[in-house]
Amino acid sequence: MMAFVGMLFFTTRRWPETSWPVKVGGSFFWAFVILLVDRIVVATYRPFESIGRRLLQVAARIALAGVVSALIALPFCLDLYSASIQRFYRELFDLQAESLRIKYENERQAILDRDQKAQGDLDARLHQIRENHPESETLEGLVERRIRQWKEDPMGWTPFFDGFRARIS
């Protein structure tokens, strides 16, 4: 009876959309399995055996009763502690998410620091190039330098397809 009520309670709470005949049938089946196991345990007890065999039979029956009671109580326990179980896993998930967030932020900061150092190196190199070659500062500076070179040596330059001139080597 206890197995039937426990399984009916569990199936009702676990699968509320399932039809009642399926829930009742599954609960009857579960109760039948528990009843058969208990009948096997009772039927295998032999009071006329030696004390060692009887103790072994009693120990086996107690172990089986423990397993059966755990199987009967499991649906109740899962339902009773479902909020605590969900809270535990939620907290575990939040801790893992927080550690991943911290790891992400640390890696992101390391990449930003590395990029900032690289950007500083590039800026220093660009400043050095601009000091050594002031005309290469902009496209206009490049065009002006090419025009000056053309004015100094017009025969060494030839028209290019887009109006610019290129040196023939």
C-alpha atoms as a PDB file:
ATOM      1  CA  MET A   1       0.000   0.000   0.000  1.00  0.00           C
ATOM      2  CA  MET A   2       2.803   2.372   0.925  1.00  0.00           C
ATOM      3  CA  ALA A   3       4.590   1.681  -2.385  1.00  0.00           C
ATOM      4  CA  PHE A   4       1.395   2.406  -4.331  1.00  0.00           C
ATOM      5  CA  VAL A   5       0.698   5.681  -2.514  1.00  0.00           C
ATOM      6  CA  GLY A   6       4.326   6.764  -2.771  1.00  0.00           C
ATOM      7  CA  MET A   7       4.546   6.079  -6.495  1.00  0.00           C
ATOM      8  CA  LEU A   8       1.154   7.678  -7.171  1.00  0.00           C
ATOM      9  CA  PHE A   9       2.261  10.768  -5.277  1.00  0.00           C
ATOM     10  CA  PHE A  10       5.566  10.847  -7.138  1.00  0.00           C
ATOM     11  CA  THR A  11       4.052  10.391 -10.614  1.00  0.00           C
ATOM     12  CA  THR A  12       1.392  13.011  -9.897  1.00  0.00           C
ATOM     13  CA  ARG A  13       4.013  15.556  -8.839  1.00  0.00           C
ATOM     14  CA  ARG A  14       6.638  14.625 -11.431  1.00  0.00           C
ATOM     15  CA  TRP A  15       4.425  14.273 -14.512  1.00  0.00           C
ATOM     16  CA  PRO A  16       1.237  16.295 -13.858  1.00  0.00           C
ATOM     17  CA  GLU A  17       0.143  16.186 -17.517  1.00  0.00           C
ATOM     18  CA  THR A  18       0.121  12.366 -17.643  1.00  0.00           C
ATOM     19  CA  SER A  19      -3.334  10.762 -17.592  1.00  0.00           C
ATOM     20  CA  TRP A  20      -4.633   9.209 -14.376  1.00  0.00           C
ATOM     21  CA  PRO A  21      -4.959   5.644 -15.737  1.00  0.00           C
ATOM     22  CA  VAL A  22      -1.234   5.657 -16.597  1.00  0.00           C
ATOM     23  CA  LYS A  23      -0.314   7.006 -13.160  1.00  0.00           C
ATOM     24  CA  VAL A  24      -2.509   4.477 -11.331  1.00  0.00           C
ATOM     25  CA  GLY A  25      -1.292   1.606 -13.548  1.00  0.00           C
ATOM     26  CA  GLY A  26       2.350   2.508 -12.957  1.00  0.00           C
ATOM     27  CA  SER A  27       1.728   2.799  -9.227  1.00  0.00           C
ATOM     28  CA  PHE A  28       0.020  -0.608  -9.113  1.00  0.00           C
ATOM     29  CA  PHE A  29       2.923  -2.132 -11.017  1.00  0.00           C
ATOM     30  CA  TRP A  30       5.424  -0.602  -8.582  1.00  0.00           C
ATOM     31  CA  ALA A  31       3.430  -1.847  -5.593  1.00  0.00           C
ATOM     32  CA  PHE A  32       3.288  -5.325  -7.167  1.00  0.00           C
ATOM     33  CA  VAL A  33       7.073  -5.386  -7.617  1.00  0.00           C
ATOM     34  CA  ILE A  34       7.610  -4.365  -3.983  1.00  0.00           C
ATOM     35  CA  LEU A  35       5.084  -6.973  -2.803  1.00  0.00           C
ATOM     36  CA  LEU A  36       6.810  -9.714  -4.812  1.00  0.00           C
ATOM     37  CA  VAL A  37      10.225  -8.815  -3.446  1.00  0.00           C
ATOM     38  CA  ASP A  38       8.868  -8.840   0.093  1.00  0.00           C
ATOM     39  CA  ARG A  39       7.156 -12.208  -0.507  1.00  0.00           C
ATOM     40  CA  ILE A  40      10.415 -13.689  -1.797  1.00  0.00           C
ATOM     41  CA  VAL A  41      12.223 -12.495   1.311  1.00  0.00           C
ATOM     42  CA  VAL A  42       9.562 -13.969   3.606  1.00  0.00           C
ATOM     43  CA  ALA A  43       9.399 -17.227   1.663  1.00  0.00           C
ATOM     44  CA  THR A  44      13.150 -17.799   1.792  1.00  0.00           C
ATOM     45  CA  TYR A  45      13.396 -17.566   5.580  1.00  0.00           C
ATOM     46  CA  ARG A  46      14.078 -21.005   7.088  1.00  0.00           C
ATOM     47  CA  PRO A  47      13.723 -21.142  10.894  1.00  0.00           C
ATOM     48  CA  PHE A  48      15.085 -24.689  11.127  1.00  0.00           C
ATOM     49  CA  GLU A  49      18.521 -23.769   9.714  1.00  0.00           C
ATOM     50  CA  SER A  50      21.596 -23.286  11.892  1.00  0.00           C
ATOM     51  CA  ILE A  51      22.054 -20.010  13.743  1.00  0.00           C
ATOM     52  CA  GLY A  52      24.660 -18.802  11.216  1.00  0.00           C
ATOM     53  CA  ARG A  53      22.342 -19.375   8.255  1.00  0.00           C
ATOM     54  CA  ARG A  54      19.447 -17.716  10.084  1.00  0.00           C
ATOM     55  CA  LEU A  55      21.583 -14.665  10.886  1.00  0.00           C
ATOM     56  CA  LEU A  56      22.606 -14.509   7.251  1.00  0.00           C
ATOM     57  CA  GLN A  57      18.942 -14.688   6.190  1.00  0.00           C
ATOM     58  CA  VAL A  58      17.985 -11.951   8.662  1.00  0.00           C
ATOM     59  CA  ALA A  59      20.887  -9.738   7.514  1.00  0.00           C
ATOM     60  CA  ALA A  60      19.876 -10.220   3.890  1.00  0.00           C
ATOM     61  CA  ARG A  61      16.262  -9.397   4.748  1.00  0.00           C
ATOM     62  CA  ILE A  62      17.270  -6.248   6.642  1.00  0.00           C
ATOM     63  CA  ALA A  63      19.473  -5.134   3.733  1.00  0.00           C
ATOM     64  CA  LEU A  64      16.667  -5.761   1.254  1.00  0.00           C
ATOM     65  CA  ALA A  65      14.197  -3.934   3.505  1.00  0.00           C
ATOM     66  CA  GLY A  66      16.586  -0.983   3.583  1.00  0.00           C
ATOM     67  CA  VAL A  67      16.804  -0.948  -0.205  1.00  0.00           C
ATOM     68  CA  VAL A  68      13.030  -1.272  -0.606  1.00  0.00           C
ATOM     69  CA  SER A  69      12.339   1.457   1.968  1.00  0.00           C
ATOM     70  CA  ALA A  70      14.828   3.732   0.210  1.00  0.00           C
ATOM     71  CA  LEU A  71      13.089   3.055  -3.108  1.00  0.00           C
ATOM     72  CA  ILE A  72       9.719   3.806  -1.570  1.00  0.00           C
ATOM     73  CA  ALA A  73      10.967   6.922   0.227  1.00  0.00           C
ATOM     74  CA  LEU A  74      12.975   8.285  -2.699  1.00  0.00           C
ATOM     75  CA  PRO A  75      10.010   9.941  -4.460  1.00  0.00           C
ATOM     76  CA  PHE A  76       8.943  11.581  -1.199  1.00  0.00           C
ATOM     77  CA  CYS A  77      12.446  12.790  -0.426  1.00  0.00           C
ATOM     78  CA  LEU A  78      13.016  14.156  -3.912  1.00  0.00           C
ATOM     79  CA  ASP A  79       9.750  16.040  -3.797  1.00  0.00           C
ATOM     80  CA  LEU A  80      10.222  17.219  -0.225  1.00  0.00           C
ATOM     81  CA  TYR A  81      13.748  18.525  -0.816  1.00  0.00           C
ATOM     82  CA  SER A  82      13.352  19.638  -4.441  1.00  0.00           C
ATOM     83  CA  ALA A  83      13.562  23.322  -3.496  1.00  0.00           C
ATOM     84  CA  SER A  84      16.761  22.732  -1.518  1.00  0.00           C
ATOM     85  CA  ILE A  85      18.251  20.626  -4.301  1.00  0.00           C
ATOM     86  CA  GLN A  86      17.443  23.300  -6.878  1.00  0.00           C
ATOM     87  CA  ARG A  87      18.888  26.020  -4.632  1.00  0.00           C
ATOM     88  CA  PHE A  88      22.070  23.973  -4.118  1.00  0.00           C
ATOM     89  CA  TYR A  89      22.592  23.478  -7.845  1.00  0.00           C
ATOM     90  CA  ARG A  90      21.717  27.117  -8.537  1.00  0.00           C
ATOM     91  CA  GLU A  91      24.345  28.261  -6.035  1.00  0.00           C
ATOM     92  CA  LEU A  92      26.860  25.829  -7.528  1.00  0.00           C
ATOM     93  CA  PHE A  93      26.059  27.163 -11.005  1.00  0.00           C
ATOM     94  CA  ASP A  94      26.387  30.759  -9.787  1.00  0.00           C
ATOM     95  CA  LEU A  95      29.778  30.012  -8.206  1.00  0.00           C
ATOM     96  CA  GLN A  96      31.038  28.436 -11.411  1.00  0.00           C
ATOM     97  CA  ALA A  97      29.649  31.307 -13.474  1.00  0.00           C
ATOM     98  CA  GLU A  98      31.320  33.831 -11.161  1.00  0.00           C
ATOM     99  CA  SER A  99      34.672  32.029 -11.393  1.00  0.00           C
ATOM    100  CA  LEU A 100      34.361  31.959 -15.193  1.00  0.00           C
ATOM    101  CA  ARG A 101      33.472  35.662 -15.204  1.00  0.00           C
ATOM    102  CA  ILE A 102      36.520  36.479 -13.067  1.00  0.00           C
ATOM    103  CA  LYS A 103      38.728  34.336 -15.326  1.00  0.00           C
ATOM    104  CA  TYR A 104      37.263  36.085 -18.401  1.00  0.00           C
ATOM    105  CA  GLU A 105      37.857  39.525 -16.898  1.00  0.00           C
ATOM    106  CA  ASN A 106      41.453  38.641 -15.976  1.00  0.00           C
ATOM    107  CA  GLU A 107      42.178  37.314 -19.471  1.00  0.00           C
ATOM    108  CA  ARG A 108      40.457  40.329 -21.023  1.00  0.00           C
ATOM    109  CA  GLN A 109      42.515  42.709 -18.888  1.00  0.00           C
ATOM    110  CA  ALA A 110      45.714  40.840 -19.803  1.00  0.00           C
ATOM    111  CA  ILE A 111      44.845  41.155 -23.501  1.00  0.00           C
ATOM    112  CA  LEU A 112      44.016  44.853 -23.096  1.00  0.00           C
ATOM    113  CA  ASP A 113      47.317  45.444 -21.271  1.00  0.00           C
ATOM    114  CA  ARG A 114      49.222  43.573 -23.982  1.00  0.00           C
ATOM    115  CA  ASP A 115      47.393  45.503 -26.709  1.00  0.00           C
ATOM    116  CA  GLN A 116      47.957  48.796 -24.932  1.00  0.00           C
ATOM    117  CA  LYS A 117      51.697  48.024 -24.726  1.00  0.00           C
ATOM    118  CA  ALA A 118      51.730  47.048 -28.406  1.00  0.00           C
ATOM    119  CA  GLN A 119      49.816  50.225 -29.296  1.00  0.00           C
ATOM    120  CA  GLY A 120      52.347  52.263 -27.339  1.00  0.00           C
ATOM    121  CA  ASP A 121      55.192  50.554 -29.210  1.00  0.00           C
ATOM    122  CA  LEU A 122      53.478  51.212 -32.546  1.00  0.00           C
ATOM    123  CA  ASP A 123      52.848  54.858 -31.639  1.00  0.00           C
ATOM    124  CA  ALA A 124      56.493  55.284 -30.657  1.00  0.00           C
ATOM    125  CA  ARG A 125      57.633  53.684 -33.918  1.00  0.00           C
ATOM    126  CA  LEU A 126      55.226  55.861 -35.940  1.00  0.00           C
ATOM    127  CA  HIS A 127      56.486  58.980 -34.146  1.00  0.00           C
ATOM    128  CA  GLN A 128      60.070  57.941 -34.913  1.00  0.00           C
ATOM    129  CA  ILE A 129      59.204  57.399 -38.597  1.00  0.00           C
ATOM    130  CA  ARG A 130      57.432  60.767 -38.799  1.00  0.00           C
ATOM    131  CA  GLU A 131      60.433  62.522 -37.284  1.00  0.00           C
ATOM    132  CA  ASN A 132      62.782  60.885 -39.800  1.00  0.00           C
ATOM    133  CA  HIS A 133      60.381  61.285 -42.769  1.00  0.00           C
ATOM    134  CA  PRO A 134      58.071  64.259 -42.161  1.00  0.00           C
ATOM    135  CA  GLU A 135      56.542  64.154 -45.645  1.00  0.00           C
ATOM    136  CA  SER A 136      55.133  60.626 -45.086  1.00  0.00           C
ATOM    137  CA  GLU A 137      52.891  61.934 -42.370  1.00  0.00           C
ATOM    138  CA  THR A 138      49.787  62.087 -44.585  1.00  0.00           C
ATOM    139  CA  LEU A 139      48.663  61.189 -48.072  1.00  0.00           C
ATOM    140  CA  GLU A 140      48.872  64.873 -48.973  1.00  0.00           C
ATOM    141  CA  GLY A 141      52.490  64.897 -47.803  1.00  0.00           C
ATOM    142  CA  LEU A 142      53.210  61.877 -49.999  1.00  0.00           C
ATOM    143  CA  VAL A 143      51.584  63.557 -53.036  1.00  0.00           C
ATOM    144  CA  GLU A 144      53.491  66.789 -52.392  1.00  0.00           C
ATOM    145  CA  ARG A 145      56.777  64.885 -52.170  1.00  0.00           C
ATOM    146  CA  ARG A 146      56.028  63.121 -55.481  1.00  0.00           C
ATOM    147  CA  ILE A 147      55.168  66.449 -57.137  1.00  0.00           C
ATOM    148  CA  ARG A 148      58.404  67.989 -55.868  1.00  0.00           C
ATOM    149  CA  GLN A 149      60.375  65.022 -57.226  1.00  0.00           C
ATOM    150  CA  TRP A 150      58.622  65.370 -60.586  1.00  0.00           C
ATOM    151  CA  LYS A 151      59.379  69.091 -60.730  1.00  0.00           C
ATOM    152  CA  GLU A 152      63.058  68.406 -59.975  1.00  0.00           C
ATOM    153  CA  ASP A 153      63.372  65.618 -62.583  1.00  0.00           C
ATOM    154  CA  PRO A 154      60.421  65.674 -65.018  1.00  0.00           C
ATOM    155  CA  MET A 155      62.018  63.237 -67.456  1.00  0.00           C
ATOM    156  CA  GLY A 156      62.299  60.439 -64.899  1.00  0.00           C
ATOM    157  CA  TRP A 157      58.526  60.378 -64.369  1.00  0.00           C
ATOM    158  CA  THR A 158      55.744  59.118 -66.604  1.00  0.00           C
ATOM    159  CA  PRO A 159      51.971  59.517 -66.354  1.00  0.00           C
ATOM    160  CA  PHE A 160      50.155  56.823 -64.400  1.00  0.00           C
ATOM    161  CA  PHE A 161      46.649  55.559 -65.148  1.00  0.00           C
ATOM    162  CA  ASP A 162      44.922  57.543 -62.394  1.00  0.00           C
ATOM    163  CA  GLY A 163      46.686  60.840 -62.878  1.00  0.00           C
ATOM    164  CA  PHE A 164      49.568  60.125 -60.510  1.00  0.00           C
ATOM    165  CA  ARG A 165      53.035  59.726 -61.859  1.00  0.00           C
ATOM    166  CA  ALA A 166      55.280  56.747 -61.250  1.00  0.00           C
ATOM    167  CA  ARG A 167      59.071  56.424 -61.652  1.00  0.00           C
ATOM    168  CA  ILE A 168      60.234  54.086 -64.401  1.00  0.00           C
ATOM    169  CA  SER A 169      63.241  52.089 -63.257  1.00  0.00           C
END
